[in-house]
Protein backbone atom coordinates (compact mmCIF):
# COMPACT_ATOMS: atom_id res chain seq x y z
CA GLU A 1 14.81 -11.43 -16.76
CA GLN A 2 13.37 -9.82 -13.66
CA ASN A 3 14.63 -6.29 -13.08
CA ALA A 4 16.19 -6.54 -9.61
CA THR A 5 18.24 -3.31 -9.67
CA LEU A 6 15.52 -0.84 -8.65
CA PRO A 7 14.42 -0.28 -5.04
CA VAL A 8 10.77 -1.32 -4.71
CA VAL A 9 8.32 -0.92 -1.85
CA ALA A 10 5.74 -3.68 -2.26
CA VAL A 11 2.18 -3.54 -0.92
CA MET A 12 -0.14 -6.44 -1.71
CA HIS A 13 -3.91 -5.86 -1.78
CA HIS A 14 -6.19 -8.88 -1.58
CA SER A 15 -9.07 -7.73 -3.76
CA GLY A 16 -10.38 -8.47 -7.20
CA TYR A 17 -12.01 -11.84 -7.76
CA ALA A 18 -13.24 -12.61 -4.26
CA PRO A 19 -12.38 -11.56 -0.70
CA ASP A 20 -10.19 -13.79 1.43
CA ILE A 21 -9.00 -13.74 5.03
CA PHE A 22 -6.57 -10.89 4.27
CA THR A 23 -9.05 -8.52 2.60
CA MET A 24 -9.38 -5.16 4.36
CA ALA A 25 -12.19 -2.65 3.91
CA ASP A 26 -9.79 -0.32 2.08
CA ASP A 27 -8.70 -2.92 -0.45
CA TYR A 28 -11.77 -2.82 -2.66
CA GLN A 29 -11.49 0.93 -3.17
CA TYR A 30 -8.27 0.37 -5.10
CA THR A 31 -10.07 -1.60 -7.82
CA PHE A 32 -10.80 1.93 -9.11
CA PHE A 33 -7.44 1.72 -10.90
CA TYR A 34 -8.59 -1.01 -13.25
CA GLY A 35 -10.60 1.63 -15.05
CA SER A 36 -13.51 -0.73 -15.75
CA ASN A 37 -15.87 -3.12 -14.02
CA SER A 38 -13.68 -6.12 -14.82
CA THR A 39 -10.88 -7.32 -12.55
CA TYR A 40 -8.21 -9.96 -12.88
CA ALA A 41 -5.55 -11.32 -10.61
CA PRO A 42 -2.71 -11.37 -10.05
CA ALA A 43 -2.24 -7.81 -11.26
CA VAL A 44 0.32 -5.09 -10.58
CA MET A 45 0.53 -1.31 -10.32
CA ILE A 46 3.86 0.52 -10.29
CA ASN A 47 3.60 3.99 -8.75
CA ARG A 48 0.03 4.01 -10.11
CA LEU A 49 1.57 5.03 -13.41
CA CYS A 50 0.25 4.21 -16.84
CA ASN A 51 3.00 3.33 -19.29
CA PRO A 52 1.20 4.03 -22.60
CA LEU A 53 3.33 1.42 -24.37
CA VAL A 54 1.98 -1.27 -22.04
CA SER A 55 -1.52 -0.31 -20.89
CA GLN A 56 -4.13 2.45 -20.85
CA VAL A 57 -4.68 2.12 -17.08
CA PRO A 58 -2.28 1.74 -14.13
CA VAL A 59 -3.17 -1.93 -13.55
CA ILE A 60 -1.12 -4.36 -15.64
CA ASN A 61 -0.77 -8.11 -15.93
CA ALA A 62 1.81 -9.55 -13.54
CA VAL A 63 4.25 -10.66 -16.23
CA TYR A 64 7.80 -9.46 -16.75
CA SER A 65 7.09 -8.21 -20.28
CA TYR A 66 4.70 -5.66 -18.71
CA ILE A 67 6.43 -5.12 -15.36
CA ASN A 68 9.98 -4.39 -16.55
CA PRO A 69 9.06 -1.65 -19.09
CA THR A 70 6.80 -0.03 -16.50
CA LEU A 71 9.55 -0.12 -13.85
CA GLU A 72 11.89 1.56 -16.32
CA TYR A 73 9.20 4.11 -17.17
CA ALA A 74 8.69 4.85 -13.46
CA GLU A 75 12.43 5.28 -12.95
CA GLN A 76 12.43 8.07 -15.56
CA GLN A 77 9.85 10.14 -13.65
CA GLN A 78 10.83 12.87 -11.22
CA PRO A 79 10.38 11.90 -7.55
CA TYR A 80 9.36 15.54 -6.81
CA ALA A 81 9.64 15.03 -3.04
CA SER A 82 11.73 13.34 -0.37
CA ILE A 83 10.31 11.45 2.59
CA LYS A 84 11.64 10.95 6.10
CA LEU A 85 9.84 8.13 7.92
CA GLU A 86 10.46 7.55 11.64
CA SER A 87 8.96 4.90 13.92
CA SER A 88 9.35 3.59 17.45
CA PHE A 89 7.90 0.53 19.16
CA ASP A 90 7.58 -0.20 22.88
CA GLU A 91 7.63 -3.98 23.34
CA THR A 92 6.01 -3.74 26.79
CA THR A 93 3.04 -1.53 25.95
CA ARG A 94 3.02 -2.32 22.19
CA GLU A 95 2.76 1.43 21.58
CA VAL A 96 3.80 2.50 18.08
CA LYS A 97 4.78 6.05 17.20
CA VAL A 98 5.06 7.10 13.56
CA LYS A 99 6.21 10.40 12.09
CA ALA A 100 6.29 10.98 8.34
CA SER A 101 7.82 14.14 6.88
CA PHE A 102 7.39 15.08 3.22
CA TYR A 103 9.69 17.59 1.55
CA PRO A 104 8.77 18.71 -2.00
CA HIS A 105 11.70 19.91 -4.11
CA THR A 106 9.54 21.59 -6.72
CA THR A 107 5.88 22.34 -7.39
CA LEU A 108 3.90 19.12 -7.47
CA PRO A 109 2.11 18.61 -10.80
CA GLY A 110 -1.19 17.29 -9.45
CA LYS A 111 -4.15 19.61 -8.92
CA GLN A 112 -4.68 17.80 -5.63
CA ASN A 113 -1.99 15.94 -3.71
CA LEU A 114 -2.02 13.75 -0.66
CA ILE A 115 -0.01 11.72 1.79
CA ASN A 116 -0.75 8.26 3.10
CA VAL A 117 0.80 6.02 5.71
CA VAL A 118 -0.15 2.34 5.79
CA MET A 119 0.94 -0.84 7.50
CA THR A 120 1.94 -4.17 5.96
CA GLN A 121 2.90 -7.57 7.31
CA ASP A 122 5.35 -9.73 5.42
CA SER A 123 5.69 -13.51 5.16
CA ILE A 124 2.32 -14.65 6.48
CA VAL A 125 1.99 -18.41 6.01
CA ALA A 126 -1.60 -19.33 5.11
CA LEU A 127 -3.80 -20.98 2.51
CA GLN A 128 -3.61 -19.78 -1.09
CA SER A 129 -5.78 -21.13 -3.89
CA ASN A 130 -3.59 -23.39 -6.05
CA GLY A 131 -0.73 -22.69 -3.61
CA GLY A 132 -1.53 -24.97 -0.69
CA MET A 133 -1.77 -24.43 3.06
CA ASN A 134 1.81 -23.21 3.54
CA TYR A 135 1.89 -20.45 0.95
CA VAL A 136 3.97 -17.43 2.01
CA HIS A 137 2.01 -14.21 1.51
CA ARG A 138 4.35 -11.24 1.08
CA HIS A 139 3.91 -7.57 2.06
CA VAL A 140 0.19 -7.93 2.87
CA PHE A 141 -1.73 -4.66 3.34
CA ARG A 142 -3.00 -4.47 6.93
CA GLY A 143 -4.72 -1.10 6.91
CA SER A 144 -4.18 2.62 6.50
CA LEU A 145 -2.93 4.54 9.53
CA THR A 146 -4.39 7.79 8.18
CA GLY A 147 -7.87 6.34 8.63
CA ASN A 148 -8.98 5.89 5.03
CA ALA A 149 -7.86 4.17 1.85
CA TRP A 150 -6.63 7.23 -0.01
CA GLY A 151 -4.83 9.23 2.66
CA LEU A 152 -4.99 12.91 3.54
CA LEU A 153 -5.10 15.88 1.18
CA ALA A 154 -2.43 18.48 1.87
CA ASP A 155 -1.03 21.69 0.41
CA PHE A 156 2.66 21.47 -0.43
CA THR A 157 5.14 24.30 -0.94
CA PRO A 158 8.55 23.64 -2.51
CA GLY A 159 11.24 23.74 0.16
CA GLU A 160 8.76 23.44 3.04
CA GLU A 161 8.25 20.26 5.04
CA THR A 162 4.81 18.78 5.70
CA THR A 163 4.67 16.43 8.69
CA TRP A 164 2.11 13.88 9.85
CA GLU A 165 2.35 11.74 12.98
CA THR A 166 0.32 9.30 15.03
CA THR A 167 0.52 7.06 18.07
CA PHE A 168 -1.39 3.80 18.39
CA THR A 169 -1.34 0.47 20.20
CA LEU A 170 -0.69 -2.53 17.99
CA GLY A 171 -2.80 -5.49 19.05
CA GLU A 172 -1.82 -9.14 19.08
CA THR A 173 -3.96 -9.65 15.99
CA ILE A 174 -5.31 -7.57 13.09
CA TYR A 175 -8.92 -8.08 12.11
CA SER A 176 -9.67 -8.00 8.40
CA ASP A 177 -12.30 -5.28 8.69
CA TYR A 178 -13.86 -5.89 5.28
CA TRP A 179 -15.69 -8.74 6.97
CA THR A 180 -18.90 -7.47 8.54
CA ASP A 181 -21.02 -9.84 10.63
CA GLU A 182 -23.41 -10.24 7.70
CA LEU A 183 -20.62 -11.14 5.26
CA LEU A 184 -19.10 -13.60 7.71
CA GLU A 185 -22.45 -15.33 8.13
CA SER A 186 -23.17 -15.47 4.39
CA ALA A 187 -19.69 -16.90 3.71
CA GLY A 188 -19.87 -19.40 6.54
CA ARG A 189 -16.82 -17.91 8.26
CA THR A 190 -16.12 -16.96 11.84
CA LYS A 191 -14.57 -13.71 13.04
CA GLU A 192 -11.62 -15.71 14.38
CA SER A 193 -10.81 -16.94 10.87
CA VAL A 194 -10.08 -13.38 9.65
CA ASP A 195 -8.41 -12.15 12.86
CA LEU A 196 -4.78 -12.83 12.01
CA PRO A 197 -1.81 -12.93 14.43
CA VAL A 198 0.69 -10.06 14.30
CA ASP A 199 4.38 -10.89 13.90
CA ILE A 200 6.23 -7.83 15.17
CA ASN A 201 9.37 -8.74 13.24
CA GLN A 202 7.45 -8.74 9.95
CA MET A 203 5.51 -5.49 10.35
CA HIS A 204 6.35 -2.50 8.12
CA ILE A 205 5.20 1.10 7.94
CA VAL A 206 4.88 2.49 4.39
CA ALA A 207 4.57 6.21 3.59
CA TYR A 208 3.94 7.78 0.20
CA ILE A 209 3.10 11.10 -1.43
CA ALA A 210 0.89 11.14 -4.52
CA GLU A 211 -1.43 13.14 -6.71
CA TYR A 212 -5.17 12.55 -6.32
CA ASP A 213 -8.04 12.61 -8.82
CA THR A 214 -11.17 10.50 -8.39
CA ASN A 215 -12.25 11.19 -11.97
CA ASP A 216 -9.15 9.92 -13.78
CA VAL A 217 -7.35 6.66 -12.97
CA ASN A 218 -4.20 8.02 -14.62
CA LYS A 219 -3.87 11.08 -12.37
CA ASN A 220 -3.05 9.36 -9.08
CA ARG A 221 0.66 8.65 -9.53
CA VAL A 222 2.86 8.10 -6.53
CA TYR A 223 5.69 10.66 -6.50
CA ASN A 224 7.78 8.89 -3.89
CA CYS A 225 7.45 6.14 -1.30
CA THR A 226 9.47 4.55 1.48
CA GLU A 227 9.08 1.94 4.23
CA VAL A 228 10.58 1.02 7.59
CA LYS A 229 10.27 -1.88 10.00
CA LEU A 230 8.75 -1.11 13.39
CA GLY A 231 11.23 0.80 15.51
CA GLU A 232 13.33 1.88 12.55
CA SER A 233 13.66 5.10 10.55
CA HIS A 234 14.71 6.00 7.02
CA THR A 235 15.17 9.11 4.88
CA GLN A 236 14.36 8.58 1.20
């Protein structure tokens, strides 16, 4: 049975086999976690952890026999840090303010550690191969607010808070920026086809703190993560 007792922050990346209208420029960088040149979909990562009883890399098949043991394995790991995520949204100007505060309780184990804040949109109804025109796409990654796929390196001291904040204007649509003019032309697409409407009620801000190592797929675990809807705040 599906393990429904653990709190999960879901972020869906549309990368792997072929790009679609949701694919962002950041998405393809995360194929690093497969640990090889081969990709398959659908696939899952849980805190970017490798459960050695299931897989040798963080990416696993999206089946309960792999997911449930890895969820349980993740639950046994120390969170190491708490997160306070605050957001506000002005409906008139569409200005969004985000403040993420990270509070480590002990020394973080990674040689390098980082924070990242991204945005997702839930329940987008659109075409899905073998799913039809009215498929509901959940928790779709819509870009990193820190300006890159991986986030920002930071030094953390136990008992001291590290804070990051930004202000931006959320447009009526979000352009899937993987799609350059050349790629659009070669695929026979238009820019309008990958410029998707924003539903304010379905937008979420996700913040996480993680270790970082570009040489080892198994040294990028997420220590803790939380999410809020626009205009809401939460302390993890």
